[in-house]
């Protein structure tokens, strides 16, 4: 099947955002692997949208918490709530049973239980509160937008070679355990450097960028370990959970 150079980007945009794009010619690994590496670029429009909402609300003198909540709501709409759904399903699966098959069945069922509802409420509370704090620095909204893009890079970490998929079928199986470690290290060096630069632009210590990257990687490492022990590997919902948790911790670390 003929592929075009834009297919990986189309895959990334179509998977991670609600932006309408033509689907790629196929979902083979030569499309999905570079597509996952392009995740931070694919969500650049959402990062700009979050920065714009925060900046506009601040300039209009609106209530900081309400502005931050609006920015996070716009982000959720821009990703179809896909990652929040993954957070809820993963939390319910982790709380359901120590049996891998039963846990995966709960995850696939999709209805939100107490653990999933609590996880969404807590993670969104941290995201909104931290985003409100970033209204104070002049370039704080830009840093928040950059963190939105960088947080999508944790999905690539969960695709590292050697980390098994929880299921052998489904879209996630086409890119889990497919990305070389060197590519992930290179991507995160670029992301960390970019975050350091934006933090300095926002009149914050440059090392805040390193801290944001470090907490995101620590969170995804913990979640990967839990997923392997409880589910036997990584599922698409686990990636959504990792993105939402990483964003919350990165926003908090930036404050």
Protein backbone atom coordinates (compact mmCIF):
# COMPACT_ATOMS: atom_id res chain seq x y z
CA UNK A 1 0.00 0.00 0.00
CA UNK A 2 1.32 3.44 -0.94
CA UNK A 3 2.14 5.77 1.93
CA UNK A 4 2.72 9.49 1.85
CA UNK A 5 5.08 11.55 3.97
CA UNK A 6 2.07 13.09 5.72
CA UNK A 7 0.55 9.78 6.84
CA UNK A 8 2.43 9.67 10.21
CA UNK A 9 1.28 13.22 10.99
CA UNK A 10 -2.27 12.40 9.96
CA UNK A 11 -2.18 9.38 12.26
CA UNK A 12 -0.92 11.48 15.18
CA UNK A 13 -3.42 14.29 14.67
CA UNK A 14 -6.34 11.93 14.16
CA UNK A 15 -5.43 9.84 17.20
CA UNK A 16 -4.61 12.61 19.68
CA UNK A 17 -6.97 15.42 18.68
CA UNK A 18 -10.47 16.09 17.40
CA UNK A 19 -9.07 17.99 14.41
CA UNK A 20 -10.60 16.47 11.26
CA UNK A 21 -7.92 14.99 9.00
CA UNK A 22 -7.87 12.42 6.25
CA UNK A 23 -6.93 9.03 7.72
CA UNK A 24 -3.58 7.51 6.75
CA UNK A 25 -3.43 4.89 4.04
CA UNK A 26 -2.76 2.20 6.66
CA UNK A 27 -1.89 1.69 10.31
CA UNK A 28 1.31 -0.23 9.70
CA UNK A 29 4.25 0.44 12.01
CA UNK A 30 6.08 2.50 9.40
CA UNK A 31 3.19 4.95 9.83
CA UNK A 32 2.35 4.60 13.52
CA UNK A 33 5.91 4.66 14.90
CA UNK A 34 6.92 8.04 13.41
CA UNK A 35 3.38 9.19 14.11
CA UNK A 36 3.84 8.59 17.84
CA UNK A 37 7.13 10.50 17.76
CA UNK A 38 5.22 13.42 16.22
CA UNK A 39 2.70 13.47 19.10
CA UNK A 40 3.96 16.77 20.63
CA UNK A 41 3.81 18.44 17.20
CA UNK A 42 0.37 17.03 16.40
CA UNK A 43 -1.21 18.73 19.42
CA UNK A 44 0.44 22.11 18.78
CA UNK A 45 -2.94 23.63 17.80
CA UNK A 46 -4.36 22.53 21.17
CA UNK A 47 -1.37 23.98 23.01
CA UNK A 48 -1.87 27.30 21.21
CA UNK A 49 -5.58 27.20 22.01
CA UNK A 50 -4.92 26.65 25.73
CA UNK A 51 -2.35 29.46 25.76
CA UNK A 52 -4.80 31.74 23.95
CA UNK A 53 -7.65 31.08 26.38
CA UNK A 54 -5.40 31.68 29.39
CA UNK A 55 -3.89 34.84 27.93
CA UNK A 56 -7.23 36.23 26.75
CA UNK A 57 -8.97 35.55 30.06
CA UNK A 58 -6.15 37.20 31.99
CA UNK A 59 -6.14 40.28 29.77
CA UNK A 60 -9.90 40.62 30.23
CA UNK A 61 -9.47 40.46 34.01
CA UNK A 62 -11.62 37.36 34.42
CA UNK A 63 -11.52 35.10 37.48
CA UNK A 64 -8.28 33.03 37.29
CA UNK A 65 -9.83 29.72 38.33
CA UNK A 66 -12.67 30.11 35.85
CA UNK A 67 -10.24 30.99 33.06
CA UNK A 68 -8.07 27.97 33.89
CA UNK A 69 -11.14 25.71 33.96
CA UNK A 70 -12.20 27.04 30.55
CA UNK A 71 -8.73 26.35 29.14
CA UNK A 72 -8.70 22.77 30.44
CA UNK A 73 -12.27 22.26 29.16
CA UNK A 74 -11.24 23.46 25.70
CA UNK A 75 -8.31 21.03 25.80
CA UNK A 76 -10.64 18.16 26.70
CA UNK A 77 -12.98 19.07 23.84
CA UNK A 78 -10.02 19.33 21.48
CA UNK A 79 -9.03 15.74 22.27
CA UNK A 80 -12.62 14.38 22.37
CA UNK A 81 -12.14 13.59 26.08
CA UNK A 82 -10.21 10.56 24.83
CA UNK A 83 -7.43 10.76 27.41
CA UNK A 84 -9.81 11.45 30.29
CA UNK A 85 -11.73 8.35 29.28
CA UNK A 86 -8.47 6.40 29.37
CA UNK A 87 -7.72 7.78 32.83
CA UNK A 88 -11.12 6.66 34.12
CA UNK A 89 -10.94 3.20 32.53
CA UNK A 90 -7.38 2.60 33.75
CA UNK A 91 -8.24 3.67 37.30
CA UNK A 92 -11.30 1.42 37.40
CA UNK A 93 -9.28 -1.50 36.01
CA UNK A 94 -6.52 -1.04 38.60
CA UNK A 95 -9.11 -0.96 41.38
CA UNK A 96 -11.18 -3.90 40.13
CA UNK A 97 -9.11 -7.05 40.48
CA UNK A 98 -5.63 -8.54 40.57
CA UNK A 99 -6.63 -10.87 37.73
CA UNK A 100 -5.33 -9.50 34.42
CA UNK A 101 -8.21 -10.78 32.28
CA UNK A 102 -10.86 -9.37 34.61
CA UNK A 103 -9.04 -6.03 34.86
CA UNK A 104 -8.80 -5.76 31.08
CA UNK A 105 -12.49 -6.63 30.77
CA UNK A 106 -13.35 -3.79 33.18
CA UNK A 107 -11.12 -1.43 31.20
CA UNK A 108 -12.75 -2.39 27.91
CA UNK A 109 -16.30 -2.09 29.29
CA UNK A 110 -15.90 1.68 29.41
CA UNK A 111 -18.45 2.66 32.07
CA UNK A 112 -16.96 4.89 34.77
CA UNK A 113 -16.93 3.58 38.33
CA UNK A 114 -15.99 5.26 41.63
CA UNK A 115 -12.23 4.94 41.08
CA UNK A 116 -12.46 6.40 37.59
CA UNK A 117 -14.68 9.29 38.69
CA UNK A 118 -12.36 10.11 41.59
CA UNK A 119 -9.30 9.98 39.34
CA UNK A 120 -10.84 12.38 36.81
CA UNK A 121 -11.95 14.80 39.54
CA UNK A 122 -8.56 14.85 41.26
CA UNK A 123 -6.46 15.12 38.10
CA UNK A 124 -8.66 17.90 36.66
CA UNK A 125 -8.51 19.77 39.97
CA UNK A 126 -4.71 19.74 39.87
CA UNK A 127 -4.67 20.79 36.21
CA UNK A 128 -7.07 23.69 36.75
CA UNK A 129 -5.41 24.91 39.95
CA UNK A 130 -1.92 24.80 38.46
CA UNK A 131 -3.02 26.45 35.20
CA UNK A 132 -4.60 29.27 37.23
CA UNK A 133 -1.26 29.83 38.98
CA UNK A 134 0.47 30.15 35.60
CA UNK A 135 -1.64 33.20 34.79
CA UNK A 136 0.62 35.29 37.04
CA UNK A 137 3.88 35.20 35.00
CA UNK A 138 3.73 37.31 31.84
CA UNK A 139 4.54 34.32 29.63
CA UNK A 140 2.87 31.78 31.89
CA UNK A 141 0.11 30.97 29.37
CA UNK A 142 2.77 30.14 26.77
CA UNK A 143 4.44 27.78 29.24
CA UNK A 144 1.08 26.09 29.89
CA UNK A 145 0.59 25.59 26.16
CA UNK A 146 4.09 24.16 25.82
CA UNK A 147 3.37 21.71 28.64
CA UNK A 148 0.24 20.52 26.85
CA UNK A 149 2.37 19.60 23.84
CA UNK A 150 5.20 18.07 25.89
CA UNK A 151 2.80 15.95 27.96
CA UNK A 152 1.83 14.02 24.83
CA UNK A 153 5.41 12.83 24.64
CA UNK A 154 4.79 10.38 27.50
CA UNK A 155 2.75 8.23 25.12
CA UNK A 156 5.95 7.59 23.17
CA UNK A 157 7.67 6.31 26.31
CA UNK A 158 4.97 3.66 26.65
CA UNK A 159 5.78 2.51 23.11
CA UNK A 160 9.42 1.67 23.90
CA UNK A 161 10.67 -1.63 22.56
CA UNK A 162 10.46 -4.38 25.15
CA UNK A 163 7.37 -3.03 26.90
CA UNK A 164 4.65 -5.50 25.88
CA UNK A 165 1.09 -4.67 24.79
CA UNK A 166 -1.71 -5.80 27.10
CA UNK A 167 -3.64 -7.08 24.08
CA UNK A 168 -2.50 -8.51 20.77
CA UNK A 169 -5.40 -6.88 18.92
CA UNK A 170 -6.57 -3.29 18.63
CA UNK A 171 -4.92 -0.09 17.46
CA UNK A 172 -2.50 0.13 20.39
CA UNK A 173 -0.94 -3.19 19.39
CA UNK A 174 0.26 -1.54 16.18
CA UNK A 175 2.62 0.84 17.97
CA UNK A 176 3.27 -0.50 21.49
CA UNK A 177 6.78 -1.99 21.86
CA UNK A 178 7.86 -0.42 18.57
CA UNK A 179 9.89 2.74 19.26
CA UNK A 180 13.68 2.45 19.73
CA UNK A 181 14.91 3.73 23.13
CA UNK A 182 17.37 6.08 21.39
CA UNK A 183 14.51 7.83 19.59
CA UNK A 184 12.66 8.34 22.88
CA UNK A 185 15.76 9.72 24.59
CA UNK A 186 16.32 12.11 21.70
CA UNK A 187 12.70 13.29 21.75
CA UNK A 188 12.77 13.97 25.49
CA UNK A 189 16.09 15.82 25.31
CA UNK A 190 14.48 18.14 22.77
CA UNK A 191 11.32 18.52 24.86
CA UNK A 192 13.29 19.21 28.05
CA UNK A 193 15.42 21.83 26.30
CA UNK A 194 12.31 23.50 24.88
CA UNK A 195 10.65 23.56 28.30
CA UNK A 196 13.77 25.08 29.89
CA UNK A 197 13.73 27.83 27.27
CA UNK A 198 10.03 28.58 27.73
CA UNK A 199 10.41 28.56 31.54
CA UNK A 200 13.20 31.13 31.27
CA UNK A 201 10.98 33.19 28.94
CA UNK A 202 8.27 33.11 31.60
CA UNK A 203 10.72 34.56 34.15
CA UNK A 204 10.92 31.27 36.00
CA UNK A 205 14.16 29.40 36.84
CA UNK A 206 15.25 27.53 33.71
CA UNK A 207 15.53 24.30 35.67
CA UNK A 208 11.75 24.27 36.07
CA UNK A 209 11.70 22.86 32.56
CA UNK A 210 13.88 19.95 33.66
CA UNK A 211 11.67 19.42 36.69
CA UNK A 212 8.55 19.28 34.52
CA UNK A 213 10.17 16.69 32.25
CA UNK A 214 11.43 14.67 35.22
CA UNK A 215 8.06 14.41 36.98
CA UNK A 216 6.35 13.39 33.74
CA UNK A 217 8.87 10.63 33.07
CA UNK A 218 8.68 9.43 36.68
CA UNK A 219 4.89 9.24 36.47
CA UNK A 220 4.89 7.30 33.19
CA UNK A 221 7.56 4.91 34.51
CA UNK A 222 5.43 4.16 37.56
CA UNK A 223 2.32 3.70 35.46
CA UNK A 224 4.14 1.41 33.01
CA UNK A 225 5.33 -0.76 35.89
CA UNK A 226 1.80 -1.00 37.27
CA UNK A 227 0.35 -1.80 33.85
CA UNK A 228 2.78 -4.65 33.26
CA UNK A 229 2.19 -6.12 36.71
CA UNK A 230 -1.61 -5.82 36.62
CA UNK A 231 -2.54 -6.09 32.92
CA UNK A 232 0.46 -7.85 31.44
CA UNK A 233 1.35 -4.83 29.33
CA UNK A 234 0.25 -1.45 27.99
CA UNK A 235 -3.16 -0.66 26.52
CA UNK A 236 -4.42 2.46 24.76
CA UNK A 237 -6.31 3.54 27.88
CA UNK A 238 -3.07 3.45 29.87
CA UNK A 239 -1.58 5.95 27.44
CA UNK A 240 -4.52 8.28 27.94
CA UNK A 241 -4.11 8.01 31.71
CA UNK A 242 -0.39 8.71 31.42
CA UNK A 243 -1.00 11.85 29.36
CA UNK A 244 -3.54 13.31 31.80
CA UNK A 245 -1.46 12.52 34.91
CA UNK A 246 1.72 13.82 33.27
CA UNK A 247 0.03 17.09 32.30
CA UNK A 248 -1.28 17.60 35.83
CA UNK A 249 2.16 16.99 37.37
CA UNK A 250 3.98 19.11 34.80
CA UNK A 251 1.63 22.07 35.33
CA UNK A 252 2.05 21.70 39.08
CA UNK A 253 5.85 21.48 38.81
CA UNK A 254 5.86 24.66 36.71
CA UNK A 255 4.25 26.61 39.55
